[in-house]
C-alpha atoms as a PDB file:
ATOM      1  CA  MET A   1      -0.023  -0.141  -0.145  1.00  0.00           C
ATOM      2  CA  ILE A   2       1.451   3.528  -0.759  1.00  0.00           C
ATOM      3  CA  LYS A   3       0.361   6.862   0.866  1.00  0.00           C
ATOM      4  CA  ILE A   4       1.344  10.058   0.170  1.00  0.00           C
ATOM      5  CA  TRP A   5       1.407  13.352   2.057  1.00  0.00           C
ATOM      6  CA  ASP A   6       1.574  16.724   1.040  1.00  0.00           C
ATOM      7  CA  TRP A   7       5.204  18.228   0.309  1.00  0.00           C
ATOM      8  CA  GLU A   8       5.305  20.699   3.715  1.00  0.00           C
ATOM      9  CA  LYS A   9       3.938  17.847   5.585  1.00  0.00           C
ATOM     10  CA  LYS A  10       7.508  17.223   6.796  1.00  0.00           C
ATOM     11  CA  PRO A  11      10.410  19.297   5.632  1.00  0.00           C
ATOM     12  CA  ARG A  12      12.722  17.199   7.519  1.00  0.00           C
ATOM     13  CA  THR A  13      13.332  13.363   8.129  1.00  0.00           C
ATOM     14  CA  MET A  14      15.820  12.674  10.967  1.00  0.00           C
ATOM     15  CA  LEU A  15      17.894   9.568   9.630  1.00  0.00           C
ATOM     16  CA  ARG A  16      16.674   7.026  12.067  1.00  0.00           C
ATOM     17  CA  TYR A  17      12.972   7.392  10.704  1.00  0.00           C
ATOM     18  CA  LEU A  18      13.843   6.818   7.144  1.00  0.00           C
ATOM     19  CA  LYS A  19      12.567   3.576   5.828  1.00  0.00           C
ATOM     20  CA  ILE A  20      13.106   1.094   2.992  1.00  0.00           C
ATOM     21  CA  GLY A  21       9.755   2.121   0.701  1.00  0.00           C
ATOM     22  CA  ASP A  22      10.046   5.748   1.368  1.00  0.00           C
ATOM     23  CA  ILE A  23       9.288   7.610  -0.874  1.00  0.00           C
ATOM     24  CA  PHE A  24      10.885  10.822  -2.077  1.00  0.00           C
ATOM     25  CA  CYS A  25      10.564  14.750  -3.767  1.00  0.00           C
ATOM     26  CA  PHE A  26      13.563  16.411  -4.558  1.00  0.00           C
ATOM     27  CA  GLN A  27      13.864  19.927  -6.337  1.00  0.00           C
ATOM     28  CA  TYR A  28      16.151  19.044  -9.614  1.00  0.00           C
ATOM     29  CA  ASP A  29      15.520  22.975 -11.137  1.00  0.00           C
ATOM     30  CA  GLY A  30      14.389  25.417 -11.134  1.00  0.00           C
ATOM     31  CA  ARG A  31      11.379  24.638 -12.751  1.00  0.00           C
ATOM     32  CA  THR A  32      11.034  20.967 -12.022  1.00  0.00           C
ATOM     33  CA  TYR A  33      10.645  17.751  -9.489  1.00  0.00           C
ATOM     34  CA  ARG A  34      11.922  14.566  -9.729  1.00  0.00           C
ATOM     35  CA  PHE A  35      10.950  11.626  -7.037  1.00  0.00           C
ATOM     36  CA  GLY A  36      11.847   8.394  -6.224  1.00  0.00           C
ATOM     37  CA  ARG A  37      12.304   5.539  -3.403  1.00  0.00           C
ATOM     38  CA  ILE A  38      14.486   4.366  -0.758  1.00  0.00           C
ATOM     39  CA  MET A  39      15.120   0.493  -1.499  1.00  0.00           C
ATOM     40  CA  ALA A  40      17.523  -0.996   0.520  1.00  0.00           C
ATOM     41  CA  LYS A  41      20.154  -0.034   3.382  1.00  0.00           C
ATOM     42  CA  VAL A  42      23.637  -1.470   2.595  1.00  0.00           C
ATOM     43  CA  ILE A  43      26.310   0.273   5.218  1.00  0.00           C
ATOM     44  CA  PHE A  44      24.420   3.364   3.122  1.00  0.00           C
ATOM     45  CA  HIS A  45      20.864   3.612   1.765  1.00  0.00           C
ATOM     46  CA  ILE A  46      20.255   2.570  -1.722  1.00  0.00           C
ATOM     47  CA  VAL A  47      17.547   4.562  -3.115  1.00  0.00           C
ATOM     48  CA  GLU A  48      16.230   4.499  -7.053  1.00  0.00           C
ATOM     49  CA  ILE A  49      15.026   7.886  -9.355  1.00  0.00           C
ATOM     50  CA  PHE A  50      11.928   7.718 -10.874  1.00  0.00           C
ATOM     51  CA  ASP A  51      12.290   8.701 -14.865  1.00  0.00           C
ATOM     52  CA  TYR A  52       9.373  11.232 -13.627  1.00  0.00           C
ATOM     53  CA  ALA A  53       9.293  14.988 -13.199  1.00  0.00           C
ATOM     54  CA  ALA A  54       6.669  17.174 -12.200  1.00  0.00           C
ATOM     55  CA  GLU A  55       6.193  21.038 -12.135  1.00  0.00           C
ATOM     56  CA  GLN A  56       5.066  21.178  -8.898  1.00  0.00           C
ATOM     57  CA  PRO A  57       6.483  18.390  -5.729  1.00  0.00           C
ATOM     58  CA  LEU A  58       3.353  16.070  -6.328  1.00  0.00           C
ATOM     59  CA  ILE A  59       2.769  12.352  -7.634  1.00  0.00           C
ATOM     60  CA  THR A  60       0.199   9.817  -7.575  1.00  0.00           C
ATOM     61  CA  LYS A  61      -0.045   6.348  -6.388  1.00  0.00           C
ATOM     62  CA  GLU A  62      -0.112   5.508 -10.026  1.00  0.00           C
ATOM     63  CA  ALA A  63       2.800   7.551 -11.584  1.00  0.00           C
ATOM     64  CA  ILE A  64       4.713   5.546  -8.997  1.00  0.00           C
ATOM     65  CA  LEU A  65       3.536   2.097  -9.901  1.00  0.00           C
ATOM     66  CA  ARG A  66       4.105   3.114 -13.315  1.00  0.00           C
ATOM     67  CA  ALA A  67       7.185   5.022 -13.402  1.00  0.00           C
ATOM     68  CA  ASP A  68      10.083   3.891 -15.062  1.00  0.00           C
ATOM     69  CA  ARG A  69      13.692   3.522 -12.961  1.00  0.00           C
ATOM     70  CA  LEU A  70      15.810   6.325 -14.482  1.00  0.00           C
ATOM     71  CA  LEU A  71      18.542   5.531 -12.096  1.00  0.00           C
ATOM     72  CA  VAL A  72      19.563   3.646  -8.850  1.00  0.00           C
ATOM     73  CA  THR A  73      22.865   4.918  -6.559  1.00  0.00           C
ATOM     74  CA  PRO A  74      23.792   5.177  -2.934  1.00  0.00           C
ATOM     75  CA  LEU A  75      22.682   8.264  -1.356  1.00  0.00           C
ATOM     76  CA  ASP A  76      23.759  10.926   1.348  1.00  0.00           C
ATOM     77  CA  THR A  77      20.006  11.027   3.073  1.00  0.00           C
ATOM     78  CA  TYR A  78      21.966  12.099   6.077  1.00  0.00           C
ATOM     79  CA  SER A  79      22.850  15.608   4.969  1.00  0.00           C
ATOM     80  CA  LEU A  80      19.661  15.595   2.405  1.00  0.00           C
ATOM     81  CA  PHE A  81      16.871  14.521   4.826  1.00  0.00           C
ATOM     82  CA  ASP A  82      18.026  15.204   8.496  1.00  0.00           C
ATOM     83  CA  ARG A  83      20.880  17.592   8.404  1.00  0.00           C
ATOM     84  CA  LYS A  84      19.436  19.577   5.487  1.00  0.00           C
ATOM     85  CA  SER A  85      22.740  20.656   4.374  1.00  0.00           C
ATOM     86  CA  GLU A  86      22.208  20.785   0.402  1.00  0.00           C
ATOM     87  CA  GLY A  87      19.290  21.094  -1.830  1.00  0.00           C
ATOM     88  CA  GLU A  88      15.949  20.179  -0.952  1.00  0.00           C
ATOM     89  CA  TRP A  89      14.550  16.614  -0.689  1.00  0.00           C
ATOM     90  CA  ARG A  90      11.674  15.763   1.323  1.00  0.00           C
ATOM     91  CA  ILE A  91      10.130  12.223   2.265  1.00  0.00           C
ATOM     92  CA  ILE A  92       6.183  12.266   0.886  1.00  0.00           C
ATOM     93  CA  GLY A  93       5.035   8.962   0.992  1.00  0.00           C
ATOM     94  CA  ARG A  94       5.989   5.647   1.849  1.00  0.00           C
ATOM     95  CA  GLN A  95       5.131   2.045   0.224  1.00  0.00           C
ATOM     96  CA  GLU A  96       4.793  -0.128   3.512  1.00  0.00           C
ATOM     97  CA  ASP A  97       5.021  -3.885   1.631  1.00  0.00           C
ATOM     98  CA  TYR A  98       7.883  -2.754  -0.291  1.00  0.00           C
ATOM     99  CA  THR A  99      11.117  -4.673  -1.345  1.00  0.00           C
ATOM    100  CA  PRO A 100      13.588  -4.069  -3.728  1.00  0.00           C
ATOM    101  CA  PRO A 101      12.249  -6.127  -7.501  1.00  0.00           C
ATOM    102  CA  GLU A 102      14.043  -9.114  -8.754  1.00  0.00           C
ATOM    103  CA  ASP A 103      15.425  -6.684 -11.961  1.00  0.00           C
ATOM    104  CA  ALA A 104      17.262  -4.972  -9.420  1.00  0.00           C
ATOM    105  CA  ARG A 105      19.479  -8.294  -8.255  1.00  0.00           C
ATOM    106  CA  ASP A 106      22.068  -7.693 -10.685  1.00  0.00           C
ATOM    107  CA  ILE A 107      22.632  -3.512  -9.731  1.00  0.00           C
ATOM    108  CA  TRP A 108      25.984  -4.199  -7.625  1.00  0.00           C
ATOM    109  CA  PHE A 109      28.171  -1.485  -6.270  1.00  0.00           C
ATOM    110  CA  SER A 110      31.851  -2.015  -5.410  1.00  0.00           C
ATOM    111  CA  TRP A 111      33.438  -1.145  -1.737  1.00  0.00           C
ATOM    112  CA  GLY A 112      36.412  -2.519   0.176  1.00  0.00           C
ATOM    113  CA  ASP A 113      39.613  -1.963  -0.882  1.00  0.00           C
ATOM    114  CA  ARG A 114      42.175  -3.963  -3.642  1.00  0.00           C
ATOM    115  CA  SER A 115      42.900  -6.530  -1.262  1.00  0.00           C
ATOM    116  CA  GLY A 116      39.647  -7.216  -0.029  1.00  0.00           C
ATOM    117  CA  ALA A 117      37.387  -5.794  -2.790  1.00  0.00           C
ATOM    118  CA  ARG A 118      33.765  -6.365  -2.803  1.00  0.00           C
ATOM    119  CA  LYS A 119      30.582  -5.792  -3.910  1.00  0.00           C
ATOM    120  CA  SER A 120      27.049  -5.495  -2.878  1.00  0.00           C
ATOM    121  CA  ASN A 121      23.302  -5.379  -4.386  1.00  0.00           C
ATOM    122  CA  VAL A 122      20.524  -4.214  -3.200  1.00  0.00           C
ATOM    123  CA  PHE A 123      19.692  -7.334  -1.714  1.00  0.00           C
ATOM    124  CA  ASP A 124      22.677  -7.144   0.823  1.00  0.00           C
ATOM    125  CA  GLU A 125      24.501  -9.974  -1.214  1.00  0.00           C
ATOM    126  CA  THR A 126      28.168  -9.442  -0.933  1.00  0.00           C
ATOM    127  CA  VAL A 127      30.858 -11.666  -2.686  1.00  0.00           C
ATOM    128  CA  PHE A 128      34.111 -10.777  -3.032  1.00  0.00           C
ATOM    129  CA  ILE A 129      35.435  -9.730  -6.526  1.00  0.00           C
ATOM    130  CA  SER A 130      38.746  -8.692  -9.195  1.00  0.00           C
ATOM    131  CA  GLU A 131      40.508  -6.158  -8.653  1.00  0.00           C
ATOM    132  CA  GLY A 132      39.448  -5.388 -12.353  1.00  0.00           C
ATOM    133  CA  GLU A 133      35.732  -5.592 -11.789  1.00  0.00           C
ATOM    134  CA  TRP A 134      35.996  -3.643  -8.442  1.00  0.00           C
ATOM    135  CA  LYS A 135      37.697  -0.541 -10.395  1.00  0.00           C
ATOM    136  CA  ALA A 136      34.976  -0.540 -13.166  1.00  0.00           C
ATOM    137  CA  LEU A 137      31.843  -1.374 -10.921  1.00  0.00           C
ATOM    138  CA  PRO A 138      30.324   1.817  -9.710  1.00  0.00           C
ATOM    139  CA  PRO A 139      31.282   2.780  -6.172  1.00  0.00           C
ATOM    140  CA  LEU A 140      29.161   2.144  -2.658  1.00  0.00           C
ATOM    141  CA  SER A 141      29.520   5.702  -1.646  1.00  0.00           C
ATOM    142  CA  PRO A 142      26.879   7.631  -1.069  1.00  0.00           C
ATOM    143  CA  GLY A 143      25.967  10.727  -3.454  1.00  0.00           C
ATOM    144  CA  GLY A 144      25.197  14.532  -1.962  1.00  0.00           C
ATOM    145  CA  ASP A 145      22.510  16.918  -4.134  1.00  0.00           C
ATOM    146  CA  TYR A 146      24.590  17.456  -7.554  1.00  0.00           C
ATOM    147  CA  ASP A 147      25.927  13.810  -7.829  1.00  0.00           C
ATOM    148  CA  VAL A 148      22.776  12.376  -8.449  1.00  0.00           C
ATOM    149  CA  LYS A 149      21.709  15.489 -10.421  1.00  0.00           C
ATOM    150  CA  ARG A 150      24.506  14.942 -12.460  1.00  0.00           C
ATOM    151  CA  ASP A 151      23.801  11.428 -12.914  1.00  0.00           C
ATOM    152  CA  ILE A 152      20.405  12.444 -13.918  1.00  0.00           C
ATOM    153  CA  ALA A 153      21.689  14.722 -16.542  1.00  0.00           C
ATOM    154  CA  ARG A 154      24.023  12.676 -17.718  1.00  0.00           C
ATOM    155  CA  ARG A 155      21.141  10.026 -18.439  1.00  0.00           C
ATOM    156  CA  LEU A 156      18.361  12.578 -19.526  1.00  0.00           C
ATOM    157  CA  ILE A 157      21.494  13.936 -21.915  1.00  0.00           C
ATOM    158  CA  GLU A 158      21.854   9.960 -23.676  1.00  0.00           C
ATOM    159  CA  ALA A 159      17.829  10.196 -24.246  1.00  0.00           C
ATOM    160  CA  VAL A 160      17.872  13.117 -26.712  1.00  0.00           C
ATOM    161  CA  ASP A 161      17.954  12.406 -30.147  1.00  0.00           C
ATOM    162  CA  TRP A 162      20.142  14.925 -31.378  1.00  0.00           C
ATOM    163  CA  SER A 163      20.441  14.379 -34.761  1.00  0.00           C
ATOM    164  CA  ARG A 164      16.987  16.335 -35.050  1.00  0.00           C
ATOM    165  CA  TYR A 165      19.206  19.410 -34.199  1.00  0.00           C
ATOM    166  CA  GLU A 166      21.604  21.817 -35.635  1.00  0.00           C
ATOM    167  CA  THR A 167      24.621  23.470 -34.359  1.00  0.00           C
ATOM    168  CA  ALA A 168      26.597  26.342 -36.429  1.00  0.00           C
ATOM    169  CA  TYR A 169      28.483  23.516 -37.479  1.00  0.00           C
ATOM    170  CA  GLY A 170      26.581  21.354 -38.728  1.00  0.00           C
ATOM    171  CA  ASN A 171      24.554  18.164 -36.943  1.00  0.00           C
ATOM    172  CA  ALA A 172      24.174  18.272 -32.948  1.00  0.00           C
ATOM    173  CA  ALA A 173      25.187  14.877 -33.047  1.00  0.00           C
ATOM    174  CA  GLN A 174      28.393  14.746 -34.445  1.00  0.00           C
ATOM    175  CA  ASP A 175      31.707  15.668 -34.020  1.00  0.00           C
ATOM    176  CA  ILE A 176      32.285  17.997 -36.268  1.00  0.00           C
ATOM    177  CA  PRO A 177      35.836  18.714 -38.210  1.00  0.00           C
ATOM    178  CA  HIS A 178      37.646  22.090 -37.371  1.00  0.00           C
ATOM    179  CA  PHE A 179      40.404  23.815 -39.574  1.00  0.00           C
ATOM    180  CA  GLN A 180      42.060  25.354 -36.301  1.00  0.00           C
ATOM    181  CA  CYS A 181      41.441  22.345 -33.442  1.00  0.00           C
ATOM    182  CA  GLY A 182      40.664  19.309 -35.125  1.00  0.00           C
ATOM    183  CA  GLN A 183      37.261  18.989 -34.429  1.00  0.00           C
ATOM    184  CA  THR A 184      34.028  20.621 -32.351  1.00  0.00           C
ATOM    185  CA  PRO A 185      32.776  18.577 -30.008  1.00  0.00           C
ATOM    186  CA  SER A 186      28.775  17.321 -30.726  1.00  0.00           C
ATOM    187  CA  VAL A 187      26.179  18.859 -28.143  1.00  0.00           C
ATOM    188  CA  PRO A 188      26.050  15.595 -26.191  1.00  0.00           C
ATOM    189  CA  ARG A 189      29.826  15.050 -25.614  1.00  0.00           C
ATOM    190  CA  SER A 190      30.333  18.948 -24.521  1.00  0.00           C
ATOM    191  CA  LEU A 191      27.462  18.551 -22.262  1.00  0.00           C
ATOM    192  CA  GLU A 192      28.993  15.138 -20.919  1.00  0.00           C
ATOM    193  CA  LYS A 193      32.143  17.295 -20.024  1.00  0.00           C
ATOM    194  CA  LEU A 194      30.154  20.200 -18.207  1.00  0.00           C
ATOM    195  CA  PHE A 195      28.718  17.556 -15.935  1.00  0.00           C
ATOM    196  CA  SER A 196      32.381  15.745 -15.682  1.00  0.00           C
ATOM    197  CA  GLY A 197      32.791  16.804 -12.065  1.00  0.00           C
ATOM    198  CA  ASN A 198      36.342  18.038 -13.883  1.00  0.00           C
ATOM    199  CA  TRP A 199      36.019  21.568 -14.093  1.00  0.00           C
ATOM    200  CA  ASN A 200      39.103  22.087 -17.092  1.00  0.00           C
ATOM    201  CA  LYS A 201      37.048  20.011 -19.418  1.00  0.00           C
ATOM    202  CA  ALA A 202      33.706  22.067 -17.793  1.00  0.00           C
ATOM    203  CA  MET A 203      35.354  24.895 -18.813  1.00  0.00           C
ATOM    204  CA  GLU A 204      36.134  23.761 -22.323  1.00  0.00           C
ATOM    205  CA  ALA A 205      32.496  22.228 -22.715  1.00  0.00           C
ATOM    206  CA  THR A 206      31.399  25.970 -22.184  1.00  0.00           C
ATOM    207  CA  SER A 207      33.245  27.440 -24.811  1.00  0.00           C
ATOM    208  CA  ASP A 208      32.374  24.849 -27.455  1.00  0.00           C
ATOM    209  CA  LEU A 209      29.126  25.161 -26.525  1.00  0.00           C
ATOM    210  CA  TRP A 210      28.859  28.957 -26.869  1.00  0.00           C
ATOM    211  CA  ALA A 211      30.272  28.492 -30.498  1.00  0.00           C
ATOM    212  CA  GLY A 212      27.849  25.746 -31.715  1.00  0.00           C
ATOM    213  CA  LEU A 213      24.567  27.213 -30.044  1.00  0.00           C
ATOM    214  CA  CYS A 214      25.251  30.969 -30.062  1.00  0.00           C
ATOM    215  CA  HIS A 215      28.014  31.036 -32.174  1.00  0.00           C
ATOM    216  CA  GLN A 216      29.254  34.644 -31.531  1.00  0.00           C
ATOM    217  CA  HIS A 217      25.854  35.995 -30.820  1.00  0.00           C
ATOM    218  CA  ALA A 218      25.311  36.719 -34.030  1.00  0.00           C
ATOM    219  CA  TYR A 219      22.269  34.042 -34.330  1.00  0.00           C
ATOM    220  CA  VAL A 220      21.251  30.931 -32.557  1.00  0.00           C
ATOM    221  CA  SER A 221      21.095  27.472 -33.272  1.00  0.00           C
ATOM    222  CA  SER A 222      18.291  24.708 -32.904  1.00  0.00           C
ATOM    223  CA  ALA A 223      20.282  22.405 -30.482  1.00  0.00           C
ATOM    224  CA  ALA A 224      19.859  25.053 -28.537  1.00  0.00           C
ATOM    225  CA  LEU A 225      16.501  24.450 -27.101  1.00  0.00           C
ATOM    226  CA  PRO A 226      17.488  20.807 -26.116  1.00  0.00           C
ATOM    227  CA  ALA A 227      20.290  22.151 -24.474  1.00  0.00           C
ATOM    228  CA  TYR A 228      18.681  24.568 -22.241  1.00  0.00           C
ATOM    229  CA  ASP A 229      17.738  22.611 -19.273  1.00  0.00           C
ATOM    230  CA  PHE A 230      21.116  21.380 -19.001  1.00  0.00           C
ATOM    231  CA  LEU A 231      22.579  24.952 -19.174  1.00  0.00           C
ATOM    232  CA  MET A 232      20.409  26.067 -16.693  1.00  0.00           C
ATOM    233  CA  LEU A 233      20.866  23.277 -13.973  1.00  0.00           C
ATOM    234  CA  ALA A 234      24.360  23.565 -14.629  1.00  0.00           C
ATOM    235  CA  LEU A 235      24.470  27.275 -13.976  1.00  0.00           C
ATOM    236  CA  GLN A 236      22.938  26.742 -10.750  1.00  0.00           C
ATOM    237  CA  GLU A 237      25.666  24.645  -9.131  1.00  0.00           C
ATOM    238  CA  ALA A 238      29.108  25.608 -10.475  1.00  0.00           C
ATOM    239  CA  ASP A 239      31.345  28.039  -9.579  1.00  0.00           C
ATOM    240  CA  ASP A 240      31.500  32.201 -10.514  1.00  0.00           C
ATOM    241  CA  LYS A 241      34.033  31.291 -13.028  1.00  0.00           C
ATOM    242  CA  LEU A 242      31.827  28.591 -14.411  1.00  0.00           C
ATOM    243  CA  LYS A 243      28.594  30.863 -14.160  1.00  0.00           C
ATOM    244  CA  VAL A 244      30.066  33.742 -16.044  1.00  0.00           C
ATOM    245  CA  GLU A 245      30.959  31.093 -19.142  1.00  0.00           C
ATOM    246  CA  LEU A 246      27.465  29.912 -18.965  1.00  0.00           C
ATOM    247  CA  LEU A 247      25.903  33.500 -18.618  1.00  0.00           C
ATOM    248  CA  ASP A 248      27.785  34.215 -22.117  1.00  0.00           C
ATOM    249  CA  ILE A 249      25.777  31.727 -23.389  1.00  0.00           C
ATOM    250  CA  PHE A 250      22.437  32.513 -22.153  1.00  0.00           C
ATOM    251  CA  LEU A 251      23.172  36.137 -22.868  1.00  0.00           C
ATOM    252  CA  GLY A 252      23.580  34.827 -26.517  1.00  0.00           C
ATOM    253  CA  PHE A 253      20.209  33.206 -26.514  1.00  0.00           C
ATOM    254  CA  ALA A 254      18.542  36.311 -25.432  1.00  0.00           C
ATOM    255  CA  VAL A 255      20.380  38.501 -28.066  1.00  0.00           C
ATOM    256  CA  CYS A 256      19.782  35.967 -31.085  1.00  0.00           C
ATOM    257  CA  THR A 257      15.924  35.434 -30.344  1.00  0.00           C
ATOM    258  CA  GLY A 258      15.253  38.946 -29.945  1.00  0.00           C
ATOM    259  CA  ARG A 259      15.509  39.220 -33.492  1.00  0.00           C
ATOM    260  CA  PHE A 260      14.964  35.841 -34.844  1.00  0.00           C
ATOM    261  CA  SER A 261      13.111  35.949 -37.936  1.00  0.00           C
ATOM    262  CA  SER A 262      12.237  32.492 -39.036  1.00  0.00           C
ATOM    263  CA  ASP A 263       8.882  31.238 -38.576  1.00  0.00           C
ATOM    264  CA  ALA A 264      10.138  28.340 -36.866  1.00  0.00           C
ATOM    265  CA  LEU A 265       8.855  27.667 -33.398  1.00  0.00           C
ATOM    266  CA  TRP A 266      12.193  26.697 -31.722  1.00  0.00           C
ATOM    267  CA  PRO A 267      13.059  30.040 -31.224  1.00  0.00           C
ATOM    268  CA  ARG A 268      10.229  31.182 -29.306  1.00  0.00           C
ATOM    269  CA  GLN A 269      10.194  28.218 -27.412  1.00  0.00           C
ATOM    270  CA  LEU A 270      13.603  29.009 -26.438  1.00  0.00           C
ATOM    271  CA  ARG A 271      12.442  32.608 -25.889  1.00  0.00           C
ATOM    272  CA  ASP A 272       9.758  31.265 -23.531  1.00  0.00           C
ATOM    273  CA  LYS A 273      12.082  29.044 -21.835  1.00  0.00           C
ATOM    274  CA  LEU A 274      14.421  32.231 -20.658  1.00  0.00           C
ATOM    275  CA  MET A 275      11.408  34.570 -19.962  1.00  0.00           C
ATOM    276  CA  SER A 276      10.650  31.562 -17.843  1.00  0.00           C
ATOM    277  CA  ASP A 277      13.754  31.921 -15.725  1.00  0.00           C
ATOM    278  CA  LEU A 278      13.879  35.931 -15.338  1.00  0.00           C
ATOM    279  CA  PRO A 279      14.080  35.347 -11.741  1.00  0.00           C
ATOM    280  CA  ILE A 280      16.910  33.522 -11.844  1.00  0.00           C
ATOM    281  CA  PHE A 281      19.007  35.828 -13.967  1.00  0.00           C
ATOM    282  CA  THR A 282      17.533  38.799 -12.248  1.00  0.00           C
ATOM    283  CA  ALA A 283      18.378  37.347  -8.335  1.00  0.00           C
ATOM    284  CA  LEU A 284      22.520  37.234 -10.078  1.00  0.00           C
ATOM    285  CA  ALA A 285      22.373  40.610 -11.954  1.00  0.00           C
ATOM    286  CA  ALA A 286      22.624  41.445  -7.791  1.00  0.00           C
ATOM    287  CA  SER A 287      25.709  39.492  -7.349  1.00  0.00           C
ATOM    288  CA  GLU A 288      28.537  40.504  -5.929  1.00  0.00           C
ATOM    289  CA  ASN A 289      30.838  39.537  -8.724  1.00  0.00           C
ATOM    290  CA  GLU A 290      31.280  41.923 -11.355  1.00  0.00           C
ATOM    291  CA  ASP A 291      31.002  39.724 -14.010  1.00  0.00           C
ATOM    292  CA  ILE A 292      28.303  37.250 -13.140  1.00  0.00           C
ATOM    293  CA  SER A 293      25.935  40.944 -12.307  1.00  0.00           C
ATOM    294  CA  ASP A 294      27.334  42.420 -15.527  1.00  0.00           C
ATOM    295  CA  PHE A 295      26.240  39.395 -17.394  1.00  0.00           C
ATOM    296  CA  ALA A 296      23.045  38.775 -16.186  1.00  0.00           C
ATOM    297  CA  LYS A 297      21.844  42.504 -15.867  1.00  0.00           C
ATOM    298  CA  ARG A 298      22.355  42.124 -19.646  1.00  0.00           C
ATOM    299  CA  ILE A 299      20.535  39.532 -20.345  1.00  0.00           C
ATOM    300  CA  THR A 300      17.691  40.908 -17.748  1.00  0.00           C
ATOM    301  CA  GLY A 301      17.411  43.658 -19.995  1.00  0.00           C
ATOM    302  CA  ASN A 302      17.809  42.539 -23.519  1.00  0.00           C
ATOM    303  CA  LEU A 303      14.905  40.177 -22.248  1.00  0.00           C
ATOM    304  CA  ASN A 304      12.786  42.899 -20.664  1.00  0.00           C
ATOM    305  CA  TYR A 305      13.613  45.246 -23.939  1.00  0.00           C
ATOM    306  CA  LYS A 306      12.238  42.931 -25.859  1.00  0.00           C
ATOM    307  CA  GLU A 307       9.007  41.703 -24.855  1.00  0.00           C
ATOM    308  CA  GLU A 308       7.938  45.603 -24.094  1.00  0.00           C
ATOM    309  CA  SER A 309       8.785  46.657 -27.644  1.00  0.00           C
ATOM    310  CA  THR A 310       6.344  43.505 -28.951  1.00  0.00           C
ATOM    311  CA  CYS A 311       3.592  44.398 -27.077  1.00  0.00           C
END
């Protein structure tokens, strides 16, 4: 039996009260919430993230039962639900009779060290393994808010049919030869670098995405539309230097969609996304970092001016 309660009922749940089968909700980005369930406790809690998102922190019993599994991962439930030290995660329900499904038996996580390498699954089955398998498997190490969001983003990037979209250099799904730098990476490859956890790779990715999606702020390409939400997620988690580079991309989107003359629907959709995130850019305009503030002010100024001029 599944019970669901309101998002506001339990802002915090202490670690000792978390149970297998608990349904949770978390704020994924500025406009969507995602949901999941605690599957097991094997040293740490292991959770599944549903392939389901909503604009409000609401999910029905039927949606839970129908939802596919997007991700299974160890989770730092103490920091997220008890201490509330990062993100916004809340328990919003419980499935009293929950047991992990059989298809989760083959999901393994490695732990220990090279001399005593082991793997465990959600059924708490543990076996010794070779060093090679120990290195290849995901570690039984609990992730935090951005770790989970980054892993979700990677899955969602893979799910986009990028071949339907274009960049300034050609098809968005392809690495394009370039006479100066050898090749320009495909959009999904650049986005994967953005979420790689490697700062230098993320900075390289912003340069490639700036060139391909809003080339020199001269025109915007259709791949900007499916890339937008990933860029916004990265913006909200990035350090100041990376924020500046990402804001430069968003400024290109704002400038180019304000003067786009095509009858295509996607430029309007991209503009709508920018307008819906105007509060985010407005908040960044008040940043103490001058570069962040400057870019954010230029974005908000462009969006507000263009919207007023079309009234």
